[in-house]
Protein backbone atom coordinates (compact mmCIF):
# COMPACT_ATOMS: atom_id res chain seq x y z
CA MET A 1 0.00 0.00 0.00
CA GLY A 2 1.84 3.08 -1.24
CA PHE A 3 1.74 6.55 0.22
CA LEU A 4 3.06 9.60 -1.60
CA SER A 5 3.14 12.85 0.33
CA SER A 6 2.54 16.23 -1.28
CA LYS A 7 3.34 18.29 1.83
CA THR A 8 6.08 20.87 1.56
CA GLY A 9 7.58 23.22 4.15
CA GLN A 10 9.79 20.65 5.85
CA PHE A 11 13.01 22.44 4.92
CA THR A 12 11.68 25.74 6.24
CA TYR A 13 10.62 24.05 9.47
CA PHE A 14 13.98 22.42 10.13
CA SER A 15 16.06 25.40 9.02
CA LEU A 16 14.22 27.51 11.59
CA GLN A 17 14.62 24.91 14.32
CA LEU A 18 18.32 24.41 13.60
CA GLY A 19 19.03 28.11 13.13
CA GLU A 20 20.68 27.66 9.73
CA LYS A 21 19.17 28.57 6.36
CA ASP A 22 22.20 27.81 4.18
CA TRP A 23 22.60 24.04 3.91
CA ARG A 24 24.85 24.13 0.86
CA SER A 25 27.93 21.90 1.20
CA LYS A 26 26.19 19.89 3.98
CA ASN A 27 25.39 16.19 3.83
CA VAL A 28 21.69 15.72 4.63
CA LEU A 29 19.86 12.51 5.51
CA ASP A 30 16.09 12.85 5.27
CA PHE A 31 14.83 9.91 7.29
CA GLY A 32 11.30 9.07 6.21
CA GLY A 33 11.60 11.70 3.50
CA ASN A 34 8.99 10.15 1.19
CA ILE A 35 9.43 11.63 -2.31
CA GLY A 36 11.94 14.27 -1.29
CA ASN A 37 9.68 17.14 -0.36
CA MET A 38 12.60 18.77 1.49
CA LEU A 39 14.00 19.49 -1.97
CA ARG A 40 10.66 20.83 -3.22
CA ASP A 41 10.48 23.49 -0.53
CA PRO A 42 11.04 26.83 -2.32
CA ASN A 43 13.39 27.86 0.50
CA SER A 44 15.56 24.74 0.22
CA THR A 45 19.30 25.28 -0.13
CA ILE A 46 20.25 21.59 -0.12
CA ASP A 47 22.71 20.43 -2.77
CA HIS A 48 20.91 17.59 -4.56
CA GLU A 49 24.11 15.54 -4.73
CA ARG A 50 24.43 15.72 -0.93
CA TYR A 51 20.88 14.64 -0.14
CA TRP A 52 20.02 11.10 0.98
CA CYS A 53 16.47 9.87 1.52
CA LEU A 54 15.50 6.70 3.40
CA ASP A 55 11.88 5.60 3.47
CA VAL A 56 9.83 2.49 4.19
CA VAL A 57 7.53 3.19 1.23
CA GLU A 58 9.17 1.73 -1.86
CA GLU A 59 6.87 3.63 -4.22
CA SER A 60 7.97 6.97 -2.74
CA ILE A 61 11.65 6.08 -3.15
CA GLU A 62 11.11 5.21 -6.82
CA LYS A 63 9.17 8.43 -7.41
CA GLY A 64 11.85 10.53 -5.71
CA LYS A 65 14.56 8.84 -7.73
CA GLU A 66 12.75 9.73 -10.95
CA GLU A 67 12.37 13.40 -10.05
CA PHE A 68 15.73 13.99 -8.35
CA PRO A 69 18.18 11.59 -10.04
CA ARG A 70 21.28 13.30 -8.62
CA SER A 71 20.21 12.53 -5.05
CA HIS A 72 20.52 9.24 -3.17
CA TRP A 73 17.43 7.07 -2.58
CA ILE A 74 17.29 4.02 -0.33
CA PHE A 75 14.30 1.79 0.35
CA TYR A 76 14.28 0.72 4.00
CA ASP A 77 12.19 -2.44 4.29
CA ARG A 78 11.42 -2.05 7.99
CA TYR A 79 7.99 -2.78 9.43
CA SER A 80 5.72 0.23 9.76
CA PHE A 81 2.06 0.18 10.70
CA PHE A 82 0.06 1.03 7.53
CA PHE A 83 3.06 2.38 5.59
CA ASN A 84 4.91 -0.95 5.34
CA PRO A 85 2.93 -3.64 7.21
CA HIS A 86 4.85 -6.50 5.56
CA GLY A 87 8.29 -5.09 6.41
CA VAL A 88 10.86 -6.59 8.77
CA GLU A 89 10.46 -5.64 12.43
CA LEU A 90 13.47 -3.88 14.02
CA LEU A 91 15.47 -4.10 10.79
CA LYS A 92 18.79 -2.27 11.16
CA LEU A 93 19.52 0.79 9.05
CA PRO A 94 21.00 0.05 5.63
CA PRO A 95 24.78 0.52 5.53
CA ILE A 96 25.70 4.05 4.45
CA GLU A 97 29.36 5.09 4.35
CA GLU A 98 28.73 8.81 4.69
CA THR A 99 28.21 10.72 7.90
CA PHE A 100 25.77 13.62 7.95
CA ASP A 101 25.77 17.24 9.03
CA TYR A 102 21.99 17.17 9.37
CA ILE A 103 19.71 14.20 9.88
CA VAL A 104 16.05 15.14 9.93
CA ALA A 105 12.86 13.16 10.44
CA TYR A 106 9.59 14.98 9.93
CA SER A 107 6.45 13.21 11.20
CA VAL A 108 8.22 9.85 11.42
CA PHE A 109 8.23 9.14 15.14
CA THR A 110 4.68 10.45 15.32
CA ASN A 111 3.70 7.27 13.42
CA THR A 112 5.97 4.64 14.95
CA SER A 113 6.18 2.93 18.33
CA ARG A 114 8.20 4.21 21.26
CA THR A 115 10.50 1.18 20.97
CA ASP A 116 11.13 1.96 17.30
CA MET A 117 11.82 5.62 18.06
CA LEU A 118 14.39 4.84 20.75
CA ASP A 119 16.10 2.24 18.57
CA LEU A 120 16.19 4.42 15.47
CA VAL A 121 17.31 7.60 17.23
CA SER A 122 20.28 5.69 18.65
CA GLN A 123 21.20 4.35 15.21
CA LEU A 124 20.77 7.73 13.53
CA GLU A 125 22.92 9.48 16.12
CA SER A 126 25.79 7.18 15.14
CA LYS A 127 25.62 8.58 11.59
CA LEU A 128 26.18 12.19 12.62
CA ALA A 129 29.37 13.97 11.61
CA ASN A 130 31.24 15.97 14.23
CA GLY A 131 29.23 19.11 14.83
CA GLY A 132 26.18 17.54 13.19
CA ALA A 133 22.59 17.58 14.41
CA LEU A 134 19.70 15.14 14.44
CA ALA A 135 16.31 16.85 14.46
CA PHE A 136 12.98 15.05 14.62
CA THR A 137 9.43 16.04 15.32
CA PHE A 138 6.89 14.90 17.88
CA ILE A 139 3.41 15.97 18.93
CA ASP A 140 2.46 16.97 22.47
CA PRO A 141 -1.20 15.93 22.84
CA HIS A 142 -1.99 18.53 25.50
CA TYR A 143 -0.46 21.48 23.63
CA SER A 144 -2.72 23.97 21.84
CA SER A 145 -0.97 24.79 18.58
CA TRP A 146 -3.29 27.51 17.32
CA PRO A 147 -5.06 28.99 20.37
CA ASP A 148 -6.29 32.04 18.46
CA ARG A 149 -7.81 29.94 15.65
CA TYR A 150 -8.71 26.55 17.10
CA HIS A 151 -10.49 25.59 20.31
CA GLY A 152 -8.85 22.29 21.18
CA ASN A 153 -5.49 20.74 21.90
CA ASN A 154 -3.50 18.58 19.49
CA LEU A 155 -5.25 15.36 20.50
CA VAL A 156 -8.70 16.83 19.94
CA TRP A 157 -7.52 18.14 16.56
CA ARG A 158 -6.33 14.66 15.58
CA LEU A 159 -9.59 13.01 16.64
CA GLU A 160 -11.64 15.51 14.66
CA ARG A 161 -9.29 15.08 11.72
CA GLU A 162 -9.73 11.30 11.78
CA ILE A 163 -13.52 11.71 11.58
CA TYR A 164 -13.14 14.15 8.69
CA LEU A 165 -10.74 11.98 6.70
CA GLU A 166 -12.91 8.89 7.04
CA GLY A 167 -15.90 10.96 6.01
CA GLU A 168 -14.06 11.98 2.86
CA LYS A 169 -13.86 8.27 2.04
CA GLY A 170 -17.57 7.82 2.65
CA ASN A 171 -17.05 6.12 6.01
CA THR A 172 -18.56 7.08 9.35
CA LEU A 173 -16.21 7.05 12.32
CA ASP A 174 -18.13 7.38 15.58
CA ILE A 175 -15.55 8.74 18.03
CA ASP A 176 -16.46 9.94 21.52
CA ILE A 177 -14.00 12.83 21.52
CA PRO A 178 -14.73 14.18 25.03
CA ARG A 179 -14.33 10.70 26.55
CA LEU A 180 -11.01 9.96 24.83
CA ALA A 181 -9.66 13.42 25.62
CA ALA A 182 -10.59 12.98 29.28
CA GLU A 183 -8.97 9.53 29.43
CA ALA A 184 -5.72 10.88 28.00
CA LYS A 185 -5.48 14.15 29.91
CA ASP A 186 -3.00 12.93 32.56
CA SER A 187 -0.93 10.64 30.32
CA ASN A 188 2.67 11.41 29.40
CA TRP A 189 2.53 9.35 26.22
CA PHE A 190 0.11 7.17 24.33
CA VAL A 191 -0.82 5.77 20.93
CA LEU A 192 -4.05 6.31 19.01
CA VAL A 193 -4.71 3.49 16.53
CA ASN A 194 -7.16 3.86 13.64
CA GLY A 195 -8.46 7.10 15.10
CA GLU A 196 -10.41 5.51 17.94
CA ASP A 197 -8.38 2.89 19.85
CA LEU A 198 -6.46 4.62 22.64
CA TYR A 199 -3.58 2.88 24.45
CA LEU A 200 -2.24 4.87 27.40
CA GLU A 201 1.48 4.60 28.19
CA THR A 202 1.80 1.18 26.60
CA GLU A 203 2.73 -0.29 23.22
CA GLN A 204 0.80 -3.49 23.87
CA THR A 205 -1.95 -3.02 21.31
CA ARG A 206 -4.21 -5.69 19.95
CA HIS A 207 -3.22 -7.33 16.68
CA TYR A 208 -4.30 -5.46 13.57
CA ALA A 209 -4.16 -7.35 10.29
CA PRO A 210 -2.60 -5.35 7.42
CA GLU A 211 -6.00 -4.69 5.86
CA GLU A 212 -7.19 -3.23 9.20
CA GLN A 213 -4.32 -0.79 9.53
CA ARG A 214 -5.30 2.82 8.84
CA THR A 215 -3.45 5.15 11.19
CA TYR A 216 -1.01 4.96 14.11
CA HIS A 217 -0.41 8.22 15.96
CA MET A 218 2.07 8.50 18.84
CA PHE A 219 1.91 11.38 21.30
CA TYR A 220 4.50 12.49 23.86
CA THR A 221 4.46 15.42 26.24
CA VAL A 222 7.38 17.83 26.22
CA ASP A 223 8.39 16.79 29.73
CA TYR A 224 8.35 13.11 28.80
CA MET A 225 10.56 13.71 25.75
CA ARG A 226 13.00 15.58 27.96
CA SER A 227 13.15 12.53 30.21
CA LEU A 228 13.83 10.23 27.24
CA PHE A 229 16.46 12.50 25.68
CA PRO A 230 18.03 14.52 28.50
CA ASN A 231 20.83 15.85 26.28
CA ALA A 232 18.46 17.12 23.60
CA GLU A 233 17.05 20.57 23.04
CA ILE A 234 13.24 20.53 22.88
CA LEU A 235 11.86 23.35 20.75
CA PRO A 236 8.29 24.59 20.28
CA PRO A 237 6.50 24.43 16.91
CA VAL A 238 7.44 26.93 14.18
CA ASN A 239 6.21 27.74 10.68
CA ASP A 240 2.57 27.39 11.83
CA GLU A 241 3.11 23.68 12.51
CA MET A 242 1.77 21.59 15.42
CA GLN A 243 4.94 19.54 15.87
CA HIS A 244 7.60 20.18 18.49
CA CYS A 245 11.19 19.43 17.59
CA CYS A 246 13.81 17.40 19.42
CA VAL A 247 17.39 18.37 18.47
CA ILE A 248 20.39 16.21 19.40
CA ARG A 249 23.80 17.59 18.49
CA ARG A 250 27.12 15.79 18.20
CA LEU A 251 29.77 18.13 19.52
């Protein structure tokens, strides 16, 4: 089941979070970069020859390779709920000789388990060049991203969004938003599966067959992410996004 993303703005987001707009002459690894939308951002200053993209969606890697042939594209056949349900669980990163000035992951660990995040962050850190930075996003469920324009927190937004997206497909998703929001209000982290199954501070979900897999959304509070990555810098959303950023630098 392929998934091609049309979202742009990722370069702008990470350049603001990292405090550097000129990425020329820097090696960049876009982990979970889909079709290379970092390069499509009109503000991007990445040298195409110094851009690597790893993704678990083979179709996106092939599409990116067609459109940006000077860049480096690697299919990573690791298990991912919905995106690659037949992949290999806990598969190690493919061997890459280069080290990277910037490794970025936009909306990757928002869709993977806590165990996967901890494993992958450790592996990605090992690929940083001296002075390099790993930056990845996460979503705090209790944070209100647009208080002047939207009434709810990020979890409520996601629940309403799930109802809307299923409605666009002609499906009715009957979610008790107040109940789920109340259940989650004191949790430091949790996963929301298929828009309605809430698992609080555990990864032990029921089995979902590949054809049942629709969405898998992980949420972490800012304080909990600080406890997981005590040497990281945790930054608030920028560029009108809802995602916080965790930045780990190799000095």
